[in-house]
Amino acid sequence: MKTASLVLSALLTCIAPLAAAETSLLFIGNSFTFGWGSSVRYYRSDSVRDLNGEGTGGVPALFKSFADQMGLQYRVSLETVGGSDIQFHLDNKLPLISSEPWDQVVMHGYSTLDPQNPGNPDALVSQVAKMAAVLRDKQQDVAIYLTATWPRADQVYLPERRWSGQSVQRMASDIRKGYDLAADASGADAVNGVGEAWIRAMQSGIADSNPYNGIELNKVDLWTYDHYHASSYGYYLEALVVFGNLTGVDPRALGANECSGFELGMSPRQIQMLQQAAFDQLLSDGRMKPQTPKQDQSRFAARCASVIDD
């Protein structure tokens, strides 16, 4: 019995470091995180933990899929409510958010920075600072990332909106500036430049910039049918940017046969060009270095390998 106890103790000692290596990650957000209007919303929902118990997969499940494919140990959770800003989570969801210490947290506010005063970052800056204080009270060295969301086509191309008559580039830039202010004020680790990655996808020729006049041949629509939320392509690009920013892994290393893109019906060309847009934005933000991505295709499940070239 003594020998058995020693063996068990040795095994537990070996297992403990492996368990400790798992990174806990929480996403706090709204429909722009849970994937409204797309097949991403309930994608692989069993791979993540929805603190609100709604069975959501969304961008967090895409992140988890990428991490698994790259051999990274992540335990991913999400707390999302449609139409919410960060103040809503502060007022209503702190028991869930503070239920445990988190190693990393990704969060964002309302799509126009302030639902009552679109384009004004003041409320976002204040709310992010408050949430950061709550998170650090539970885990002092938590890494906090803010997601600068995409430009809304309905806000740009329809009349009498905050960015009417301007450009998607201008709205993306304004949103990013708001999140940069919030990051500086709160001491957040970095901003996920999702909106700017969308612009890069448009400029590279993989994505259409105006869904109201039709989608050009061989381009994808990053927005879903309401021209407000994202399509699966848009959420996929969001997840690629977040993944690269948090892990430091070049999103292009996932390769053209990346499993989630394959399962969501994307072509190898679409997958690669969206990965390139994510990388280019991360490079611009100083989060990546110029490099040739290393790909180990033996990691990927055979069912995720494309058998038809686009």
Protein backbone atom coordinates (compact mmCIF):
# COMPACT_ATOMS: atom_id res chain seq x y z
CA MET A 1 0.00 0.00 0.00
CA LYS A 2 2.87 2.34 0.80
CA THR A 3 4.40 1.70 -2.62
CA ALA A 4 1.05 2.35 -4.31
CA SER A 5 0.65 5.59 -2.41
CA LEU A 6 4.11 6.74 -3.50
CA VAL A 7 3.31 5.92 -7.12
CA LEU A 8 0.00 7.81 -6.94
CA SER A 9 1.71 10.79 -5.35
CA ALA A 10 4.33 10.82 -8.11
CA LEU A 11 1.63 10.69 -10.79
CA LEU A 12 -0.27 13.58 -9.23
CA THR A 13 2.95 15.57 -9.05
CA CYS A 14 3.48 15.03 -12.78
CA ILE A 15 -0.11 15.87 -13.70
CA ALA A 16 -0.29 19.10 -11.65
CA PRO A 17 2.05 21.15 -13.89
CA LEU A 18 0.07 20.08 -16.95
CA ALA A 19 -3.18 21.27 -15.41
CA ALA A 20 -1.58 24.52 -14.31
CA ALA A 21 -0.46 25.21 -17.88
CA GLU A 22 -4.08 25.66 -19.03
CA THR A 23 -4.94 29.31 -19.65
CA SER A 24 -8.35 30.54 -18.51
CA LEU A 25 -9.94 33.01 -20.93
CA LEU A 26 -13.20 34.94 -20.56
CA PHE A 27 -15.01 36.80 -23.34
CA ILE A 28 -17.32 39.63 -22.22
CA GLY A 29 -19.48 41.14 -24.92
CA ASN A 30 -22.69 41.11 -26.90
CA SER A 31 -23.96 39.82 -30.24
CA PHE A 32 -20.66 40.82 -31.86
CA THR A 33 -19.05 38.10 -29.73
CA PHE A 34 -21.75 35.43 -29.71
CA GLY A 35 -22.17 35.49 -33.48
CA TRP A 36 -25.69 36.79 -34.09
CA GLY A 37 -27.02 36.21 -37.60
CA SER A 38 -24.59 33.45 -38.52
CA SER A 39 -23.89 29.76 -38.16
CA VAL A 40 -21.08 30.70 -35.78
CA ARG A 41 -23.54 31.42 -32.97
CA TYR A 42 -23.97 27.83 -31.82
CA TYR A 43 -20.81 26.47 -33.41
CA ARG A 44 -19.02 23.92 -31.19
CA SER A 45 -20.85 25.25 -28.16
CA ASP A 46 -19.80 22.19 -26.17
CA SER A 47 -16.15 23.26 -26.44
CA VAL A 48 -16.64 26.41 -24.36
CA ARG A 49 -18.49 27.37 -21.17
CA ASP A 50 -21.35 29.85 -21.53
CA LEU A 51 -21.72 31.45 -18.10
CA ASN A 52 -25.26 32.53 -18.98
CA GLY A 53 -26.24 28.97 -19.89
CA GLU A 54 -27.53 29.83 -23.37
CA GLY A 55 -25.54 27.24 -25.29
CA THR A 56 -23.52 29.78 -27.25
CA GLY A 57 -20.34 28.96 -29.15
CA GLY A 58 -19.60 32.06 -31.21
CA VAL A 59 -16.20 33.69 -31.53
CA PRO A 60 -15.04 32.03 -28.28
CA ALA A 61 -15.59 28.59 -29.82
CA LEU A 62 -13.63 29.61 -32.93
CA PHE A 63 -10.79 30.76 -30.68
CA LYS A 64 -10.89 27.46 -28.82
CA SER A 65 -10.79 25.55 -32.10
CA PHE A 66 -7.76 27.50 -33.29
CA ALA A 67 -6.01 26.95 -29.96
CA ASP A 68 -6.68 23.21 -30.04
CA GLN A 69 -5.36 22.94 -33.58
CA MET A 70 -2.16 24.69 -32.55
CA GLY A 71 -1.73 22.56 -29.43
CA LEU A 72 -2.44 25.40 -26.97
CA GLN A 73 -4.19 24.61 -23.70
CA TYR A 74 -7.09 27.02 -23.21
CA ARG A 75 -10.21 26.84 -21.04
CA VAL A 76 -12.58 29.30 -22.70
CA SER A 77 -15.69 30.88 -21.16
CA LEU A 78 -18.05 33.61 -22.29
CA GLU A 79 -20.55 36.01 -20.77
CA THR A 80 -22.52 37.75 -23.51
CA VAL A 81 -25.81 39.62 -23.76
CA GLY A 82 -27.21 41.04 -27.00
CA GLY A 83 -27.28 44.82 -27.35
CA SER A 84 -25.26 45.38 -24.19
CA ASP A 85 -22.49 47.79 -23.39
CA ILE A 86 -19.94 47.12 -20.67
CA GLN A 87 -22.02 49.00 -18.13
CA PHE A 88 -24.75 46.36 -18.48
CA HIS A 89 -22.30 43.66 -17.42
CA LEU A 90 -21.12 45.80 -14.51
CA ASP A 91 -24.70 46.28 -13.36
CA ASN A 92 -26.02 42.77 -13.92
CA LYS A 93 -23.29 40.16 -14.39
CA LEU A 94 -20.54 40.74 -11.85
CA PRO A 95 -21.31 37.59 -9.83
CA LEU A 96 -20.63 35.52 -12.95
CA ILE A 97 -17.64 37.56 -14.10
CA SER A 98 -16.10 37.44 -10.62
CA SER A 99 -16.84 33.76 -10.12
CA GLU A 100 -13.16 32.95 -10.63
CA PRO A 101 -9.85 34.64 -11.46
CA TRP A 102 -9.08 34.81 -15.18
CA ASP A 103 -5.71 34.71 -16.89
CA GLN A 104 -6.97 36.60 -19.95
CA VAL A 105 -10.12 38.60 -20.67
CA VAL A 106 -11.41 39.90 -24.01
CA MET A 107 -14.16 42.51 -23.94
CA HIS A 108 -15.89 45.15 -26.00
CA GLY A 109 -18.77 47.57 -25.69
CA TYR A 110 -21.56 48.73 -27.98
CA SER A 111 -20.93 48.84 -31.72
CA THR A 112 -21.11 52.65 -31.99
CA LEU A 113 -19.10 53.21 -28.78
CA ASP A 114 -22.14 54.74 -27.05
CA PRO A 115 -25.71 53.77 -27.99
CA GLN A 116 -27.07 57.13 -26.81
CA ASN A 117 -24.27 59.23 -28.26
CA PRO A 118 -22.74 57.33 -31.21
CA GLY A 119 -19.08 58.00 -31.79
CA ASN A 120 -18.42 59.41 -28.32
CA PRO A 121 -15.88 57.22 -26.46
CA ASP A 122 -16.28 58.78 -23.00
CA ALA A 123 -18.68 56.18 -21.61
CA LEU A 124 -16.60 53.32 -23.02
CA VAL A 125 -13.43 54.68 -21.44
CA SER A 126 -15.12 54.92 -18.04
CA GLN A 127 -16.79 51.52 -18.24
CA VAL A 128 -13.64 49.70 -19.34
CA ALA A 129 -11.71 51.22 -16.43
CA LYS A 130 -14.35 50.02 -13.97
CA MET A 131 -14.42 46.51 -15.41
CA ALA A 132 -10.63 46.32 -15.43
CA ALA A 133 -10.61 47.20 -11.72
CA VAL A 134 -13.11 44.41 -11.01
CA LEU A 135 -11.04 41.88 -12.95
CA ARG A 136 -7.79 42.91 -11.28
CA ASP A 137 -9.37 42.72 -7.85
CA LYS A 138 -9.86 39.02 -8.53
CA GLN A 139 -6.61 38.43 -10.45
CA GLN A 140 -4.03 41.18 -10.25
CA ASP A 141 -2.05 40.13 -13.32
CA VAL A 142 -5.00 39.38 -15.60
CA ALA A 143 -4.24 40.26 -19.22
CA ILE A 144 -7.01 42.46 -20.64
CA TYR A 145 -7.68 42.85 -24.35
CA LEU A 146 -10.22 45.22 -25.90
CA THR A 147 -11.84 44.40 -29.25
CA ALA A 148 -12.29 47.39 -31.55
CA THR A 149 -15.31 46.21 -33.52
CA TRP A 150 -16.08 46.52 -37.22
CA PRO A 151 -17.73 49.36 -39.14
CA ARG A 152 -21.45 48.85 -39.67
CA ALA A 153 -22.63 49.14 -43.26
CA ASP A 154 -26.04 50.36 -42.09
CA GLN A 155 -24.36 53.22 -40.22
CA VAL A 156 -22.38 54.29 -43.28
CA TYR A 157 -24.60 53.72 -46.31
CA LEU A 158 -28.06 54.50 -44.94
CA PRO A 159 -29.18 58.11 -44.42
CA GLU A 160 -29.40 59.95 -41.12
CA ARG A 161 -26.92 57.77 -39.27
CA ARG A 162 -23.82 58.82 -37.35
CA TRP A 163 -21.43 57.94 -40.20
CA SER A 164 -23.79 58.52 -43.15
CA GLY A 165 -21.97 59.73 -46.25
CA GLN A 166 -18.57 58.90 -44.79
CA SER A 167 -16.68 55.64 -45.35
CA VAL A 168 -16.33 52.27 -43.67
CA GLN A 169 -12.66 53.16 -43.19
CA ARG A 170 -13.64 56.28 -41.26
CA MET A 171 -16.01 54.41 -38.95
CA ALA A 172 -13.40 51.69 -38.33
CA SER A 173 -10.84 54.38 -37.51
CA ASP A 174 -13.19 56.21 -35.14
CA ILE A 175 -14.05 53.00 -33.30
CA ARG A 176 -10.38 52.09 -32.99
CA LYS A 177 -9.50 55.51 -31.59
CA GLY A 178 -12.16 55.06 -28.92
CA TYR A 179 -10.75 51.71 -27.88
CA ASP A 180 -7.20 53.05 -27.87
CA LEU A 181 -8.34 55.71 -25.41
CA ALA A 182 -10.03 53.07 -23.26
CA ALA A 183 -6.92 50.87 -23.34
CA ASP A 184 -4.66 53.74 -22.31
CA ALA A 185 -6.94 54.79 -19.46
CA SER A 186 -7.40 51.28 -18.09
CA GLY A 187 -3.93 49.88 -18.70
CA ALA A 188 -5.29 47.15 -20.96
CA ASP A 189 -2.66 44.96 -22.56
CA ALA A 190 -3.68 45.47 -26.20
CA VAL A 191 -6.49 46.26 -28.61
CA ASN A 192 -7.79 43.68 -31.09
CA GLY A 193 -7.99 45.67 -34.32
CA VAL A 194 -10.91 43.76 -35.79
CA GLY A 195 -12.50 46.65 -37.68
CA GLU A 196 -9.22 47.52 -39.33
CA ALA A 197 -8.69 43.87 -40.28
CA TRP A 198 -12.07 44.03 -42.03
CA ILE A 199 -10.82 47.04 -44.01
CA ARG A 200 -7.67 45.14 -44.95
CA ALA A 201 -9.80 42.23 -46.19
CA MET A 202 -11.72 44.67 -48.38
CA GLN A 203 -8.55 46.25 -49.70
CA SER A 204 -6.98 42.86 -50.49
CA GLY A 205 -9.95 41.88 -52.65
CA ILE A 206 -11.44 39.06 -50.59
CA ALA A 207 -14.30 41.11 -49.07
CA ASP A 208 -16.86 43.50 -50.53
CA SER A 209 -17.06 46.97 -49.00
CA ASN A 210 -20.70 47.80 -49.74
CA PRO A 211 -23.38 45.11 -49.43
CA TYR A 212 -26.11 47.53 -50.49
CA ASN A 213 -25.01 47.50 -54.13
CA GLY A 214 -24.43 43.77 -54.43
CA ILE A 215 -21.48 41.50 -53.68
CA GLU A 216 -18.77 41.46 -56.32
CA LEU A 217 -17.70 38.19 -57.94
CA ASN A 218 -15.23 36.15 -55.88
CA LYS A 219 -15.68 38.38 -52.85
CA VAL A 220 -17.37 37.59 -49.53
CA ASP A 221 -19.77 39.67 -47.48
CA LEU A 222 -18.33 40.21 -44.01
CA TRP A 223 -21.75 41.39 -42.83
CA THR A 224 -24.82 39.22 -42.42
CA TYR A 225 -28.24 40.02 -43.90
CA ASP A 226 -28.92 43.05 -41.70
CA HIS A 227 -25.66 44.76 -42.80
CA TYR A 228 -25.01 45.38 -39.09
CA HIS A 229 -23.84 42.13 -37.57
CA ALA A 230 -21.19 39.90 -39.10
CA SER A 231 -21.51 36.89 -41.35
CA SER A 232 -19.56 33.72 -40.62
CA TYR A 233 -16.70 35.25 -42.62
CA GLY A 234 -16.74 38.38 -40.47
CA TYR A 235 -16.78 36.49 -37.17
CA TYR A 236 -14.07 34.17 -38.47
CA LEU A 237 -11.83 37.16 -39.18
CA GLU A 238 -12.61 38.58 -35.74
CA ALA A 239 -11.57 35.31 -34.12
CA LEU A 240 -8.34 35.17 -36.13
CA VAL A 241 -7.32 38.65 -34.94
CA VAL A 242 -8.14 37.86 -31.32
CA PHE A 243 -6.33 34.52 -31.51
CA GLY A 244 -3.15 36.02 -32.94
CA ASN A 245 -3.17 38.92 -30.49
CA LEU A 246 -3.62 36.80 -27.37
CA THR A 247 -1.35 33.90 -28.27
CA GLY A 248 1.31 35.48 -30.44
CA VAL A 249 0.74 32.73 -32.99
CA ASP A 250 0.69 33.80 -36.63
CA PRO A 251 -2.90 33.11 -37.76
CA ARG A 252 -1.55 32.05 -41.16
CA ALA A 253 0.06 29.07 -39.44
CA LEU A 254 -3.43 27.55 -39.20
CA GLY A 255 -3.22 27.00 -42.95
CA ALA A 256 -5.66 26.78 -45.81
CA ASN A 257 -7.12 23.56 -44.39
CA GLU A 258 -7.95 25.15 -41.05
CA CYS A 259 -10.70 23.05 -39.54
CA SER A 260 -13.32 25.61 -38.51
CA GLY A 261 -13.20 27.45 -41.81
CA PHE A 262 -13.65 24.13 -43.57
CA GLU A 263 -16.59 23.19 -41.35
CA LEU A 264 -18.22 26.57 -41.96
CA GLY A 265 -18.04 26.07 -45.72
CA MET A 266 -15.18 28.39 -46.61
CA SER A 267 -12.82 27.73 -49.51
CA PRO A 268 -9.06 27.42 -49.02
CA ARG A 269 -8.59 30.76 -50.80
CA GLN A 270 -11.07 32.49 -48.52
CA ILE A 271 -9.47 30.99 -45.42
CA GLN A 272 -5.97 32.01 -46.46
CA MET A 273 -6.93 35.55 -47.43
CA LEU A 274 -8.79 36.13 -44.16
CA GLN A 275 -5.80 34.77 -42.26
CA GLN A 276 -3.58 37.17 -44.22
CA ALA A 277 -5.82 40.14 -43.38
CA ALA A 278 -5.63 39.23 -39.69
CA PHE A 279 -1.85 38.88 -39.84
CA ASP A 280 -1.41 42.18 -41.67
CA GLN A 281 -3.40 44.00 -39.01
CA LEU A 282 -1.48 42.34 -36.18
CA LEU A 283 1.78 43.25 -37.94
CA SER A 284 0.64 46.86 -38.28
CA ASP A 285 -0.18 46.94 -34.56
CA GLY A 286 3.26 45.60 -33.68
CA ARG A 287 1.82 42.34 -32.40
CA MET A 288 3.55 40.20 -35.04
CA LYS A 289 6.92 40.22 -36.77
CA PRO A 290 7.43 39.75 -40.52
CA GLN A 291 7.87 36.03 -40.99
CA THR A 292 7.02 33.01 -43.06
CA PRO A 293 4.45 30.99 -41.11
CA LYS A 294 5.39 27.46 -40.15
CA GLN A 295 2.65 24.95 -40.82
CA ASP A 296 2.52 21.37 -39.57
CA GLN A 297 -0.34 19.92 -41.57
CA SER A 298 -0.06 16.62 -39.69
CA ARG A 299 -1.83 18.33 -36.77
CA PHE A 300 -5.05 18.79 -38.70
CA ALA A 301 -7.83 16.22 -38.81
CA ALA A 302 -8.20 14.55 -42.21
CA ARG A 303 -11.88 15.52 -42.34
CA CYS A 304 -10.83 19.16 -42.36
CA ALA A 305 -8.58 18.82 -45.39
CA SER A 306 -10.12 20.33 -48.50
CA VAL A 307 -10.38 17.96 -51.43
CA ILE A 308 -11.51 20.56 -53.96
CA ASP A 309 -9.48 23.63 -54.88
CA ASP A 310 -11.46 26.80 -55.37
